[in-house]
Amino acid sequence: MNETTGRCPVEITLSLMSNKWKALILRDLLTGTKRFSELKRSLHPITQKMLTQNLREMEANGLISRTVYPVVPPHVEYAFTDLGYMLHPVIEQMREFGLKYASIRENETENKESDAV
């Protein structure tokens, strides 16, 4: 528990990544700046409304920056802020856990199937 805010640090971090879309947006931005259309394509089947809402929340939380270029059609790019980039090791640990978890579960399933034969 943080004595200044009265909130658990894990709770704070989870609130910033409160749904699957935010975590996946952060994952995509790890490789660099992305345009809205690139994010939408990568996060299929996310709706435009849901992507916009999540990007706005993440921008308001200081995790990402939004740059609008004055051209037609509009060109908007999203990137990590320095604060947002601090989540890089958290996301990397999530990726590593996911790989290990999937491998373990797959091995368990294979073992159960071979035991049944």
PDB file of N, CA and C in Angstrom:
ATOM      1  N   MET A   1       0.854  -1.182   0.000  1.00  0.00           N
ATOM      2  CA  MET A   1       0.000   0.000   0.000  1.00  0.00           C
ATOM      3  C   MET A   1       0.891   1.233   0.000  1.00  0.00           C
ATOM      4  N   ASN A   2       0.603   2.173  -0.870  1.00  0.00           N
ATOM      5  CA  ASN A   2       1.359   3.417  -0.940  1.00  0.00           C
ATOM      6  C   ASN A   2       0.779   4.399   0.063  1.00  0.00           C
ATOM      7  N   GLU A   3       1.614   4.897   0.969  1.00  0.00           N
ATOM      8  CA  GLU A   3       1.110   5.793   2.019  1.00  0.00           C
ATOM      9  C   GLU A   3       0.684   7.143   1.475  1.00  0.00           C
ATOM     10  N   THR A   4       1.252   7.563   0.342  1.00  0.00           N
ATOM     11  CA  THR A   4       0.896   8.860  -0.244  1.00  0.00           C
ATOM     12  C   THR A   4      -0.486   8.816  -0.882  1.00  0.00           C
ATOM     13  N   THR A   5      -0.726   7.776  -1.716  1.00  0.00           N
ATOM     14  CA  THR A   5      -1.988   7.700  -2.442  1.00  0.00           C
ATOM     15  C   THR A   5      -3.027   6.820  -1.756  1.00  0.00           C
ATOM     16  N   GLY A   6      -2.560   5.935  -0.870  1.00  0.00           N
ATOM     17  CA  GLY A   6      -3.484   5.005  -0.235  1.00  0.00           C
ATOM     18  C   GLY A   6      -3.875   3.857  -1.151  1.00  0.00           C
ATOM     19  N   ARG A   7      -3.187   3.719  -2.289  1.00  0.00           N
ATOM     20  CA  ARG A   7      -3.507   2.650  -3.238  1.00  0.00           C
ATOM     21  C   ARG A   7      -2.329   1.699  -3.383  1.00  0.00           C
ATOM     22  N   CYS A   8      -2.631   0.486  -3.630  1.00  0.00           N
ATOM     23  CA  CYS A   8      -1.633  -0.541  -3.872  1.00  0.00           C
ATOM     24  C   CYS A   8      -0.964  -0.282  -5.228  1.00  0.00           C
ATOM     25  N   PRO A   9       0.358  -0.342  -5.303  1.00  0.00           N
ATOM     26  CA  PRO A   9       1.050  -0.119  -6.576  1.00  0.00           C
ATOM     27  C   PRO A   9       0.633  -1.093  -7.669  1.00  0.00           C
ATOM     28  N   VAL A  10       0.346  -2.334  -7.302  1.00  0.00           N
ATOM     29  CA  VAL A  10      -0.104  -3.314  -8.291  1.00  0.00           C
ATOM     30  C   VAL A  10      -1.475  -2.899  -8.835  1.00  0.00           C
ATOM     31  N   GLU A  11      -2.338  -2.419  -7.949  1.00  0.00           N
ATOM     32  CA  GLU A  11      -3.661  -1.941  -8.365  1.00  0.00           C
ATOM     33  C   GLU A  11      -3.535  -0.772  -9.336  1.00  0.00           C
ATOM     34  N   ILE A  12      -2.624   0.142  -9.050  1.00  0.00           N
ATOM     35  CA  ILE A  12      -2.417   1.294  -9.935  1.00  0.00           C
ATOM     36  C   ILE A  12      -1.987   0.819 -11.319  1.00  0.00           C
ATOM     37  N   THR A  13      -1.011  -0.090 -11.357  1.00  0.00           N
ATOM     38  CA  THR A  13      -0.516  -0.598 -12.642  1.00  0.00           C
ATOM     39  C   THR A  13      -1.618  -1.318 -13.399  1.00  0.00           C
ATOM     40  N   LEU A  14      -2.368  -2.165 -12.714  1.00  0.00           N
ATOM     41  CA  LEU A  14      -3.461  -2.879 -13.371  1.00  0.00           C
ATOM     42  C   LEU A  14      -4.529  -1.928 -13.895  1.00  0.00           C
ATOM     43  N   SER A  15      -4.789  -0.852 -13.175  1.00  0.00           N
ATOM     44  CA  SER A  15      -5.808   0.098 -13.637  1.00  0.00           C
ATOM     45  C   SER A  15      -5.379   0.781 -14.931  1.00  0.00           C
ATOM     46  N   LEU A  16      -4.084   0.933 -15.134  1.00  0.00           N
ATOM     47  CA  LEU A  16      -3.585   1.543 -16.367  1.00  0.00           C
ATOM     48  C   LEU A  16      -3.661   0.586 -17.551  1.00  0.00           C
ATOM     49  N   MET A  17      -3.723  -0.710 -17.253  1.00  0.00           N
ATOM     50  CA  MET A  17      -3.803  -1.741 -18.291  1.00  0.00           C
ATOM     51  C   MET A  17      -5.095  -2.530 -18.082  1.00  0.00           C
ATOM     52  N   SER A  18      -6.177  -1.820 -17.809  1.00  0.00           N
ATOM     53  CA  SER A  18      -7.398  -2.412 -17.275  1.00  0.00           C
ATOM     54  C   SER A  18      -8.175  -3.324 -18.209  1.00  0.00           C
ATOM     55  N   ASN A  19      -7.813  -3.392 -19.457  1.00  0.00           N
ATOM     56  CA  ASN A  19      -8.517  -4.325 -20.333  1.00  0.00           C
ATOM     57  C   ASN A  19      -7.559  -4.891 -21.362  1.00  0.00           C
ATOM     58  N   LYS A  20      -8.010  -5.885 -22.085  1.00  0.00           N
ATOM     59  CA  LYS A  20      -7.103  -6.553 -23.021  1.00  0.00           C
ATOM     60  C   LYS A  20      -6.627  -5.615 -24.115  1.00  0.00           C
ATOM     61  N   TRP A  21      -7.455  -4.659 -24.515  1.00  0.00           N
ATOM     62  CA  TRP A  21      -7.055  -3.765 -25.603  1.00  0.00           C
ATOM     63  C   TRP A  21      -5.895  -2.876 -25.196  1.00  0.00           C
ATOM     64  N   LYS A  22      -5.913  -2.345 -23.984  1.00  0.00           N
ATOM     65  CA  LYS A  22      -4.816  -1.468 -23.549  1.00  0.00           C
ATOM     66  C   LYS A  22      -3.502  -2.234 -23.509  1.00  0.00           C
ATOM     67  N   ALA A  23      -3.529  -3.435 -23.002  1.00  0.00           N
ATOM     68  CA  ALA A  23      -2.301  -4.232 -22.949  1.00  0.00           C
ATOM     69  C   ALA A  23      -1.785  -4.513 -24.356  1.00  0.00           C
ATOM     70  N   LEU A  24      -2.692  -4.784 -25.293  1.00  0.00           N
ATOM     71  CA  LEU A  24      -2.275  -5.074 -26.661  1.00  0.00           C
ATOM     72  C   LEU A  24      -1.816  -3.817 -27.395  1.00  0.00           C
ATOM     73  N   ILE A  25      -2.411  -2.683 -27.099  1.00  0.00           N
ATOM     74  CA  ILE A  25      -1.946  -1.412 -27.669  1.00  0.00           C
ATOM     75  C   ILE A  25      -0.519  -1.144 -27.193  1.00  0.00           C
ATOM     76  N   LEU A  26      -0.280  -1.322 -25.905  1.00  0.00           N
ATOM     77  CA  LEU A  26       1.053  -1.120 -25.355  1.00  0.00           C
ATOM     78  C   LEU A  26       2.042  -2.078 -26.006  1.00  0.00           C
ATOM     79  N   ARG A  27       1.640  -3.313 -26.183  1.00  0.00           N
ATOM     80  CA  ARG A  27       2.503  -4.299 -26.850  1.00  0.00           C
ATOM     81  C   ARG A  27       2.900  -3.822 -28.239  1.00  0.00           C
ATOM     82  N   ASP A  28       1.927  -3.332 -28.995  1.00  0.00           N
ATOM     83  CA  ASP A  28       2.200  -2.882 -30.362  1.00  0.00           C
ATOM     84  C   ASP A  28       3.113  -1.662 -30.397  1.00  0.00           C
ATOM     85  N   LEU A  29       2.980  -0.783 -29.420  1.00  0.00           N
ATOM     86  CA  LEU A  29       3.800   0.429 -29.401  1.00  0.00           C
ATOM     87  C   LEU A  29       5.236   0.158 -28.956  1.00  0.00           C
ATOM     88  N   LEU A  30       5.506  -1.026 -28.406  1.00  0.00           N
ATOM     89  CA  LEU A  30       6.874  -1.357 -28.006  1.00  0.00           C
ATOM     90  C   LEU A  30       7.820  -1.338 -29.198  1.00  0.00           C
ATOM     91  N   THR A  31       7.298  -1.618 -30.376  1.00  0.00           N
ATOM     92  CA  THR A  31       8.158  -1.658 -31.564  1.00  0.00           C
ATOM     93  C   THR A  31       8.313  -0.288 -32.211  1.00  0.00           C
ATOM     94  N   GLY A  32       7.627   0.719 -31.672  1.00  0.00           N
ATOM     95  CA  GLY A  32       7.782   2.077 -32.207  1.00  0.00           C
ATOM     96  C   GLY A  32       6.450   2.751 -32.457  1.00  0.00           C
ATOM     97  N   THR A  33       6.543   3.970 -32.966  1.00  0.00           N
ATOM     98  CA  THR A  33       5.383   4.797 -33.259  1.00  0.00           C
ATOM     99  C   THR A  33       4.469   4.096 -34.258  1.00  0.00           C
ATOM    100  N   LYS A  34       3.165   4.219 -34.030  1.00  0.00           N
ATOM    101  CA  LYS A  34       2.178   3.588 -34.913  1.00  0.00           C
ATOM    102  C   LYS A  34       1.093   4.587 -35.290  1.00  0.00           C
ATOM    103  N   ARG A  35       0.606   4.450 -36.509  1.00  0.00           N
ATOM    104  CA  ARG A  35      -0.555   5.221 -36.949  1.00  0.00           C
ATOM    105  C   ARG A  35      -1.809   4.516 -36.447  1.00  0.00           C
ATOM    106  N   PHE A  36      -2.901   5.277 -36.380  1.00  0.00           N
ATOM    107  CA  PHE A  36      -4.179   4.729 -35.926  1.00  0.00           C
ATOM    108  C   PHE A  36      -4.544   3.493 -36.757  1.00  0.00           C
ATOM    109  N   SER A  37      -4.413   3.598 -38.071  1.00  0.00           N
ATOM    110  CA  SER A  37      -4.801   2.489 -38.949  1.00  0.00           C
ATOM    111  C   SER A  37      -3.947   1.245 -38.710  1.00  0.00           C
ATOM    112  N   GLU A  38      -2.674   1.416 -38.373  1.00  0.00           N
ATOM    113  CA  GLU A  38      -1.810   0.272 -38.068  1.00  0.00           C
ATOM    114  C   GLU A  38      -2.282  -0.433 -36.801  1.00  0.00           C
ATOM    115  N   LEU A  39      -2.627   0.354 -35.802  1.00  0.00           N
ATOM    116  CA  LEU A  39      -3.121  -0.229 -34.551  1.00  0.00           C
ATOM    117  C   LEU A  39      -4.438  -0.959 -34.791  1.00  0.00           C
ATOM    118  N   LYS A  40      -5.329  -0.336 -35.539  1.00  0.00           N
ATOM    119  CA  LYS A  40      -6.643  -0.952 -35.795  1.00  0.00           C
ATOM    120  C   LYS A  40      -6.472  -2.285 -36.530  1.00  0.00           C
ATOM    121  N   ARG A  41      -5.593  -2.306 -37.505  1.00  0.00           N
ATOM    122  CA  ARG A  41      -5.349  -3.523 -38.270  1.00  0.00           C
ATOM    123  C   ARG A  41      -4.750  -4.621 -37.371  1.00  0.00           C
ATOM    124  N   SER A  42      -3.815  -4.255 -36.537  1.00  0.00           N
ATOM    125  CA  SER A  42      -3.144  -5.214 -35.658  1.00  0.00           C
ATOM    126  C   SER A  42      -4.085  -5.766 -34.589  1.00  0.00           C
ATOM    127  N   LEU A  43      -5.043  -4.947 -34.162  1.00  0.00           N
ATOM    128  CA  LEU A  43      -5.923  -5.326 -33.055  1.00  0.00           C
ATOM    129  C   LEU A  43      -7.283  -5.832 -33.521  1.00  0.00           C
ATOM    130  N   HIS A  44      -7.390  -6.230 -34.767  1.00  0.00           N
ATOM    131  CA  HIS A  44      -8.652  -6.768 -35.278  1.00  0.00           C
ATOM    132  C   HIS A  44      -9.168  -7.817 -34.304  1.00  0.00           C
ATOM    133  N   PRO A  45     -10.380  -7.793 -33.863  1.00  0.00           N
ATOM    134  CA  PRO A  45     -11.571  -7.114 -34.348  1.00  0.00           C
ATOM    135  C   PRO A  45     -11.986  -5.882 -33.532  1.00  0.00           C
ATOM    136  N   ILE A  46     -11.057  -5.136 -32.968  1.00  0.00           N
ATOM    137  CA  ILE A  46     -11.420  -3.953 -32.191  1.00  0.00           C
ATOM    138  C   ILE A  46     -12.174  -2.962 -33.080  1.00  0.00           C
ATOM    139  N   THR A  47     -13.181  -2.316 -32.514  1.00  0.00           N
ATOM    140  CA  THR A  47     -13.917  -1.307 -33.264  1.00  0.00           C
ATOM    141  C   THR A  47     -13.159   0.023 -33.201  1.00  0.00           C
ATOM    142  N   GLN A  48     -13.465   0.890 -34.144  1.00  0.00           N
ATOM    143  CA  GLN A  48     -12.831   2.209 -34.163  1.00  0.00           C
ATOM    144  C   GLN A  48     -13.145   2.972 -32.882  1.00  0.00           C
ATOM    145  N   LYS A  49     -14.397   2.866 -32.441  1.00  0.00           N
ATOM    146  CA  LYS A  49     -14.820   3.545 -31.210  1.00  0.00           C
ATOM    147  C   LYS A  49     -14.029   3.053 -30.002  1.00  0.00           C
ATOM    148  N   MET A  50     -13.862   1.749 -29.866  1.00  0.00           N
ATOM    149  CA  MET A  50     -13.155   1.174 -28.730  1.00  0.00           C
ATOM    150  C   MET A  50     -11.671   1.551 -28.766  1.00  0.00           C
ATOM    151  N   LEU A  51     -11.073   1.515 -29.952  1.00  0.00           N
ATOM    152  CA  LEU A  51      -9.665   1.893 -30.076  1.00  0.00           C
ATOM    153  C   LEU A  51      -9.476   3.356 -29.709  1.00  0.00           C
ATOM    154  N   THR A  52     -10.341   4.217 -30.230  1.00  0.00           N
ATOM    155  CA  THR A  52     -10.261   5.649 -29.920  1.00  0.00           C
ATOM    156  C   THR A  52     -10.409   5.893 -28.429  1.00  0.00           C
ATOM    157  N   GLN A  53     -11.368   5.248 -27.805  1.00  0.00           N
ATOM    158  CA  GLN A  53     -11.608   5.411 -26.368  1.00  0.00           C
ATOM    159  C   GLN A  53     -10.381   5.003 -25.560  1.00  0.00           C
ATOM    160  N   ASN A  54      -9.804   3.855 -25.885  1.00  0.00           N
ATOM    161  CA  ASN A  54      -8.633   3.371 -25.150  1.00  0.00           C
ATOM    162  C   ASN A  54      -7.426   4.270 -25.363  1.00  0.00           C
ATOM    163  N   LEU A  55      -7.218   4.729 -26.591  1.00  0.00           N
ATOM    164  CA  LEU A  55      -6.097   5.623 -26.862  1.00  0.00           C
ATOM    165  C   LEU A  55      -6.248   6.939 -26.096  1.00  0.00           C
ATOM    166  N   ARG A  56      -7.455   7.461 -26.050  1.00  0.00           N
ATOM    167  CA  ARG A  56      -7.700   8.715 -25.309  1.00  0.00           C
ATOM    168  C   ARG A  56      -7.422   8.535 -23.815  1.00  0.00           C
ATOM    169  N   GLU A  57      -7.877   7.414 -23.251  1.00  0.00           N
ATOM    170  CA  GLU A  57      -7.639   7.154 -21.831  1.00  0.00           C
ATOM    171  C   GLU A  57      -6.146   7.022 -21.542  1.00  0.00           C
ATOM    172  N   MET A  58      -5.438   6.334 -22.407  1.00  0.00           N
ATOM    173  CA  MET A  58      -4.005   6.139 -22.212  1.00  0.00           C
ATOM    174  C   MET A  58      -3.237   7.450 -22.382  1.00  0.00           C
ATOM    175  N   GLU A  59      -3.709   8.287 -23.280  1.00  0.00           N
ATOM    176  CA  GLU A  59      -3.104   9.608 -23.442  1.00  0.00           C
ATOM    177  C   GLU A  59      -3.364  10.462 -22.199  1.00  0.00           C
ATOM    178  N   ALA A  60      -4.589  10.420 -21.692  1.00  0.00           N
ATOM    179  CA  ALA A  60      -4.941  11.184 -20.488  1.00  0.00           C
ATOM    180  C   ALA A  60      -4.133  10.706 -19.281  1.00  0.00           C
ATOM    181  N   ASN A  61      -3.795   9.416 -19.245  1.00  0.00           N
ATOM    182  CA  ASN A  61      -2.994   8.859 -18.154  1.00  0.00           C
ATOM    183  C   ASN A  61      -1.501   9.103 -18.338  1.00  0.00           C
ATOM    184  N   GLY A  62      -1.116   9.723 -19.444  1.00  0.00           N
ATOM    185  CA  GLY A  62       0.280  10.059 -19.668  1.00  0.00           C
ATOM    186  C   GLY A  62       1.138   8.923 -20.180  1.00  0.00           C
ATOM    187  N   LEU A  63       0.506   7.827 -20.645  1.00  0.00           N
ATOM    188  CA  LEU A  63       1.268   6.675 -21.118  1.00  0.00           C
ATOM    189  C   LEU A  63       1.692   6.799 -22.568  1.00  0.00           C
ATOM    190  N   ILE A  64       0.856   7.455 -23.373  1.00  0.00           N
ATOM    191  CA  ILE A  64       1.174   7.598 -24.786  1.00  0.00           C
ATOM    192  C   ILE A  64       0.987   9.055 -25.204  1.00  0.00           C
ATOM    193  N   SER A  65       1.629   9.389 -26.311  1.00  0.00           N
ATOM    194  CA  SER A  65       1.455  10.725 -26.885  1.00  0.00           C
ATOM    195  C   SER A  65       0.774  10.574 -28.239  1.00  0.00           C
ATOM    196  N   ARG A  66       0.072  11.607 -28.618  1.00  0.00           N
ATOM    197  CA  ARG A  66      -0.662  11.637 -29.885  1.00  0.00           C
ATOM    198  C   ARG A  66      -0.144  12.829 -30.672  1.00  0.00           C
ATOM    199  N   THR A  67       0.326  12.570 -31.888  1.00  0.00           N
ATOM    200  CA  THR A  67       0.815  13.641 -32.750  1.00  0.00           C
ATOM    201  C   THR A  67      -0.064  13.705 -33.985  1.00  0.00           C
ATOM    202  N   VAL A  68      -0.628  14.884 -34.240  1.00  0.00           N
ATOM    203  CA  VAL A  68      -1.495  15.090 -35.404  1.00  0.00           C
ATOM    204  C   VAL A  68      -0.726  15.922 -36.415  1.00  0.00           C
ATOM    205  N   TYR A  69      -0.645  15.430 -37.632  1.00  0.00           N
ATOM    206  CA  TYR A  69       0.012  16.155 -38.707  1.00  0.00           C
ATOM    207  C   TYR A  69      -1.051  16.835 -39.559  1.00  0.00           C
ATOM    208  N   PRO A  70      -0.885  18.131 -39.850  1.00  0.00           N
ATOM    209  CA  PRO A  70      -1.911  18.901 -40.582  1.00  0.00           C
ATOM    210  C   PRO A  70      -1.891  18.613 -42.082  1.00  0.00           C
ATOM    211  N   VAL A  71      -2.346  17.420 -42.434  1.00  0.00           N
ATOM    212  CA  VAL A  71      -2.425  17.022 -43.838  1.00  0.00           C
ATOM    213  C   VAL A  71      -3.801  16.420 -44.090  1.00  0.00           C
ATOM    214  N   VAL A  72      -4.133  16.278 -45.367  1.00  0.00           N
ATOM    215  CA  VAL A  72      -5.392  15.638 -45.744  1.00  0.00           C
ATOM    216  C   VAL A  72      -5.031  14.406 -46.555  1.00  0.00           C
ATOM    217  N   PRO A  73      -5.524  13.231 -46.185  1.00  0.00           N
ATOM    218  CA  PRO A  73      -6.318  12.911 -45.001  1.00  0.00           C
ATOM    219  C   PRO A  73      -5.479  13.038 -43.726  1.00  0.00           C
ATOM    220  N   PRO A  74      -6.156  13.139 -42.590  1.00  0.00           N
ATOM    221  CA  PRO A  74      -5.445  13.325 -41.325  1.00  0.00           C
ATOM    222  C   PRO A  74      -4.417  12.220 -41.075  1.00  0.00           C
ATOM    223  N   HIS A  75      -3.301  12.600 -40.524  1.00  0.00           N
ATOM    224  CA  HIS A  75      -2.224  11.662 -40.194  1.00  0.00           C
ATOM    225  C   HIS A  75      -1.979  11.813 -38.697  1.00  0.00           C
ATOM    226  N   VAL A  76      -2.309  10.761 -37.949  1.00  0.00           N
ATOM    227  CA  VAL A  76      -2.165  10.774 -36.494  1.00  0.00           C
ATOM    228  C   VAL A  76      -1.264   9.611 -36.097  1.00  0.00           C
ATOM    229  N   GLU A  77      -0.291   9.903 -35.235  1.00  0.00           N
ATOM    230  CA  GLU A  77       0.609   8.871 -34.764  1.00  0.00           C
ATOM    231  C   GLU A  77       0.579   8.785 -33.244  1.00  0.00           C
ATOM    232  N   TYR A  78       0.783   7.577 -32.746  1.00  0.00           N
ATOM    233  CA  TYR A  78       0.805   7.324 -31.310  1.00  0.00           C
ATOM    234  C   TYR A  78       2.146   6.704 -30.945  1.00  0.00           C
ATOM    235  N   ALA A  79       2.669   7.119 -29.803  1.00  0.00           N
ATOM    236  CA  ALA A  79       3.952   6.597 -29.328  1.00  0.00           C
ATOM    237  C   ALA A  79       3.953   6.605 -27.806  1.00  0.00           C
ATOM    238  N   PHE A  80       4.863   5.835 -27.233  1.00  0.00           N
ATOM    239  CA  PHE A  80       5.050   5.858 -25.789  1.00  0.00           C
ATOM    240  C   PHE A  80       5.595   7.202 -25.338  1.00  0.00           C
ATOM    241  N   THR A  81       5.156   7.639 -24.193  1.00  0.00           N
ATOM    242  CA  THR A  81       5.838   8.724 -23.490  1.00  0.00           C
ATOM    243  C   THR A  81       6.951   8.051 -22.674  1.00  0.00           C
ATOM    244  N   ASP A  82       7.806   8.841 -22.087  1.00  0.00           N
ATOM    245  CA  ASP A  82       8.838   8.259 -21.225  1.00  0.00           C
ATOM    246  C   ASP A  82       8.189   7.476 -20.083  1.00  0.00           C
ATOM    247  N   LEU A  83       7.118   8.028 -19.525  1.00  0.00           N
ATOM    248  CA  LEU A  83       6.403   7.355 -18.443  1.00  0.00           C
ATOM    249  C   LEU A  83       5.815   6.029 -18.926  1.00  0.00           C
ATOM    250  N   GLY A  84       5.179   6.043 -20.087  1.00  0.00           N
ATOM    251  CA  GLY A  84       4.589   4.823 -20.629  1.00  0.00           C
ATOM    252  C   GLY A  84       5.619   3.761 -20.940  1.00  0.00           C
ATOM    253  N   TYR A  85       6.786   4.194 -21.419  1.00  0.00           N
ATOM    254  CA  TYR A  85       7.824   3.229 -21.775  1.00  0.00           C
ATOM    255  C   TYR A  85       8.333   2.477 -20.545  1.00  0.00           C
ATOM    256  N   MET A  86       8.104   3.032 -19.376  1.00  0.00           N
ATOM    257  CA  MET A  86       8.499   2.337 -18.155  1.00  0.00           C
ATOM    258  C   MET A  86       7.731   1.019 -17.986  1.00  0.00           C
ATOM    259  N   LEU A  87       6.636   0.849 -18.724  1.00  0.00           N
ATOM    260  CA  LEU A  87       5.879  -0.410 -18.683  1.00  0.00           C
ATOM    261  C   LEU A  87       6.521  -1.505 -19.540  1.00  0.00           C
ATOM    262  N   HIS A  88       7.548  -1.167 -20.309  1.00  0.00           N
ATOM    263  CA  HIS A  88       8.192  -2.138 -21.192  1.00  0.00           C
ATOM    264  C   HIS A  88       8.559  -3.433 -20.469  1.00  0.00           C
ATOM    265  N   PRO A  89       9.275  -3.373 -19.329  1.00  0.00           N
ATOM    266  CA  PRO A  89       9.623  -4.640 -18.667  1.00  0.00           C
ATOM    267  C   PRO A  89       8.401  -5.406 -18.162  1.00  0.00           C
ATOM    268  N   VAL A  90       7.351  -4.713 -17.795  1.00  0.00           N
ATOM    269  CA  VAL A  90       6.122  -5.381 -17.337  1.00  0.00           C
ATOM    270  C   VAL A  90       5.512  -6.162 -18.497  1.00  0.00           C
ATOM    271  N   ILE A  91       5.436  -5.533 -19.653  1.00  0.00           N
ATOM    272  CA  ILE A  91       4.848  -6.178 -20.832  1.00  0.00           C
ATOM    273  C   ILE A  91       5.721  -7.344 -21.277  1.00  0.00           C
ATOM    274  N   GLU A  92       7.032  -7.156 -21.222  1.00  0.00           N
ATOM    275  CA  GLU A  92       7.953  -8.225 -21.593  1.00  0.00           C
ATOM    276  C   GLU A  92       7.795  -9.420 -20.654  1.00  0.00           C
ATOM    277  N   GLN A  93       7.635  -9.184 -19.364  1.00  0.00           N
ATOM    278  CA  GLN A  93       7.412 -10.271 -18.409  1.00  0.00           C
ATOM    279  C   GLN A  93       6.090 -10.976 -18.679  1.00  0.00           C
ATOM    280  N   MET A  94       5.070 -10.211 -19.064  1.00  0.00           N
ATOM    281  CA  MET A  94       3.780 -10.815 -19.412  1.00  0.00           C
ATOM    282  C   MET A  94       3.940 -11.724 -20.627  1.00  0.00           C
ATOM    283  N   ARG A  95       4.713 -11.280 -21.618  1.00  0.00           N
ATOM    284  CA  ARG A  95       4.951 -12.083 -22.817  1.00  0.00           C
ATOM    285  C   ARG A  95       5.663 -13.380 -22.444  1.00  0.00           C
ATOM    286  N   GLU A  96       6.714 -13.267 -21.645  1.00  0.00           N
ATOM    287  CA  GLU A  96       7.469 -14.452 -21.245  1.00  0.00           C
ATOM    288  C   GLU A  96       6.598 -15.417 -20.442  1.00  0.00           C
ATOM    289  N   PHE A  97       5.791 -14.885 -19.530  1.00  0.00           N
ATOM    290  CA  PHE A  97       4.893 -15.746 -18.770  1.00  0.00           C
ATOM    291  C   PHE A  97       3.921 -16.454 -19.707  1.00  0.00           C
ATOM    292  N   GLY A  98       3.352 -15.712 -20.661  1.00  0.00           N
ATOM    293  CA  GLY A  98       2.398 -16.296 -21.603  1.00  0.00           C
ATOM    294  C   GLY A  98       3.001 -17.437 -22.403  1.00  0.00           C
ATOM    295  N   LEU A  99       4.257 -17.271 -22.838  1.00  0.00           N
ATOM    296  CA  LEU A  99       4.932 -18.339 -23.577  1.00  0.00           C
ATOM    297  C   LEU A  99       5.124 -19.567 -22.697  1.00  0.00           C
ATOM    298  N   LYS A 100       5.598 -19.375 -21.471  1.00  0.00           N
ATOM    299  CA  LYS A 100       5.831 -20.488 -20.557  1.00  0.00           C
ATOM    300  C   LYS A 100       4.521 -21.172 -20.180  1.00  0.00           C
ATOM    301  N   TYR A 101       3.515 -20.375 -19.892  1.00  0.00           N
ATOM    302  CA  TYR A 101       2.209 -20.920 -19.510  1.00  0.00           C
ATOM    303  C   TYR A 101       1.640 -21.780 -20.631  1.00  0.00           C
ATOM    304  N   ALA A 102       1.665 -21.241 -21.858  1.00  0.00           N
ATOM    305  CA  ALA A 102       1.116 -21.979 -22.998  1.00  0.00           C
ATOM    306  C   ALA A 102       1.870 -23.291 -23.204  1.00  0.00           C
ATOM    307  N   SER A 103       3.181 -23.257 -23.057  1.00  0.00           N
ATOM    308  CA  SER A 103       3.990 -24.464 -23.222  1.00  0.00           C
ATOM    309  C   SER A 103       3.662 -25.496 -22.159  1.00  0.00           C
ATOM    310  N   ILE A 104       3.565 -25.068 -20.909  1.00  0.00           N
ATOM    311  CA  ILE A 104       3.246 -25.983 -19.812  1.00  0.00           C
ATOM    312  C   ILE A 104       1.872 -26.607 -20.014  1.00  0.00           C
ATOM    313  N   ARG A 105       0.892 -25.773 -20.357  1.00  0.00           N
ATOM    314  CA  ARG A 105      -0.475 -26.291 -20.543  1.00  0.00           C
ATOM    315  C   ARG A 105      -0.539 -27.250 -21.732  1.00  0.00           C
ATOM    316  N   GLU A 106       0.206 -26.936 -22.782  1.00  0.00           N
ATOM    317  CA  GLU A 106       0.227 -27.813 -23.950  1.00  0.00           C
ATOM    318  C   GLU A 106       0.834 -29.163 -23.582  1.00  0.00           C
ATOM    319  N   ASN A 107       1.926 -29.144 -22.808  1.00  0.00           N
ATOM    320  CA  ASN A 107       2.550 -30.397 -22.369  1.00  0.00           C
ATOM    321  C   ASN A 107       1.611 -31.190 -21.475  1.00  0.00           C
ATOM    322  N   GLU A 108       0.894 -30.523 -20.592  1.00  0.00           N
ATOM    323  CA  GLU A 108      -0.072 -31.218 -19.728  1.00  0.00           C
ATOM    324  C   GLU A 108      -1.151 -31.891 -20.554  1.00  0.00           C
ATOM    325  N   THR A 109      -1.641 -31.201 -21.564  1.00  0.00           N
ATOM    326  CA  THR A 109      -2.680 -31.755 -22.434  1.00  0.00           C
ATOM    327  C   THR A 109      -2.155 -32.967 -23.198  1.00  0.00           C
ATOM    328  N   GLU A 110      -0.934 -32.855 -23.726  1.00  0.00           N
ATOM    329  CA  GLU A 110      -0.333 -33.979 -24.450  1.00  0.00           C
ATOM    330  C   GLU A 110      -0.141 -35.181 -23.529  1.00  0.00           C
ATOM    331  N   ASN A 111       0.301 -34.929 -22.290  1.00  0.00           N
ATOM    332  CA  ASN A 111       0.499 -36.019 -21.332  1.00  0.00           C
ATOM    333  C   ASN A 111      -0.813 -36.703 -20.987  1.00  0.00           C
ATOM    334  N   LYS A 112      -1.884 -35.937 -20.815  1.00  0.00           N
ATOM    335  CA  LYS A 112      -3.199 -36.510 -20.507  1.00  0.00           C
ATOM    336  C   LYS A 112      -3.678 -37.349 -21.663  1.00  0.00           C
ATOM    337  N   GLU A 113      -3.455 -36.871 -22.898  1.00  0.00           N
ATOM    338  CA  GLU A 113      -3.895 -37.623 -24.078  1.00  0.00           C
ATOM    339  C   GLU A 113      -3.109 -38.916 -24.233  1.00  0.00           C
ATOM    340  N   SER A 114      -1.793 -38.876 -23.972  1.00  0.00           N
ATOM    341  CA  SER A 114      -0.991 -40.083 -24.103  1.00  0.00           C
ATOM    342  C   SER A 114      -1.304 -41.080 -22.975  1.00  0.00           C
ATOM    343  N   ASP A 115      -1.657 -40.563 -21.785  1.00  0.00           N
ATOM    344  CA  ASP A 115      -2.039 -41.435 -20.674  1.00  0.00           C
ATOM    345  C   ASP A 115      -3.376 -42.139 -20.963  1.00  0.00           C
ATOM    346  N   ALA A 116      -4.235 -41.499 -21.726  1.00  0.00           N
ATOM    347  CA  ALA A 116      -5.543 -42.048 -22.017  1.00  0.00           C
ATOM    348  C   ALA A 116      -5.465 -43.161 -23.063  1.00  0.00           C
ATOM    349  N   VAL A 117      -4.381 -43.217 -23.782  1.00  0.00           N
ATOM    350  CA  VAL A 117      -4.244 -44.212 -24.853  1.00  0.00           C
ATOM    351  C   VAL A 117      -3.795 -45.530 -24.348  1.00  0.00           C
TER     352      VAL A 117
END
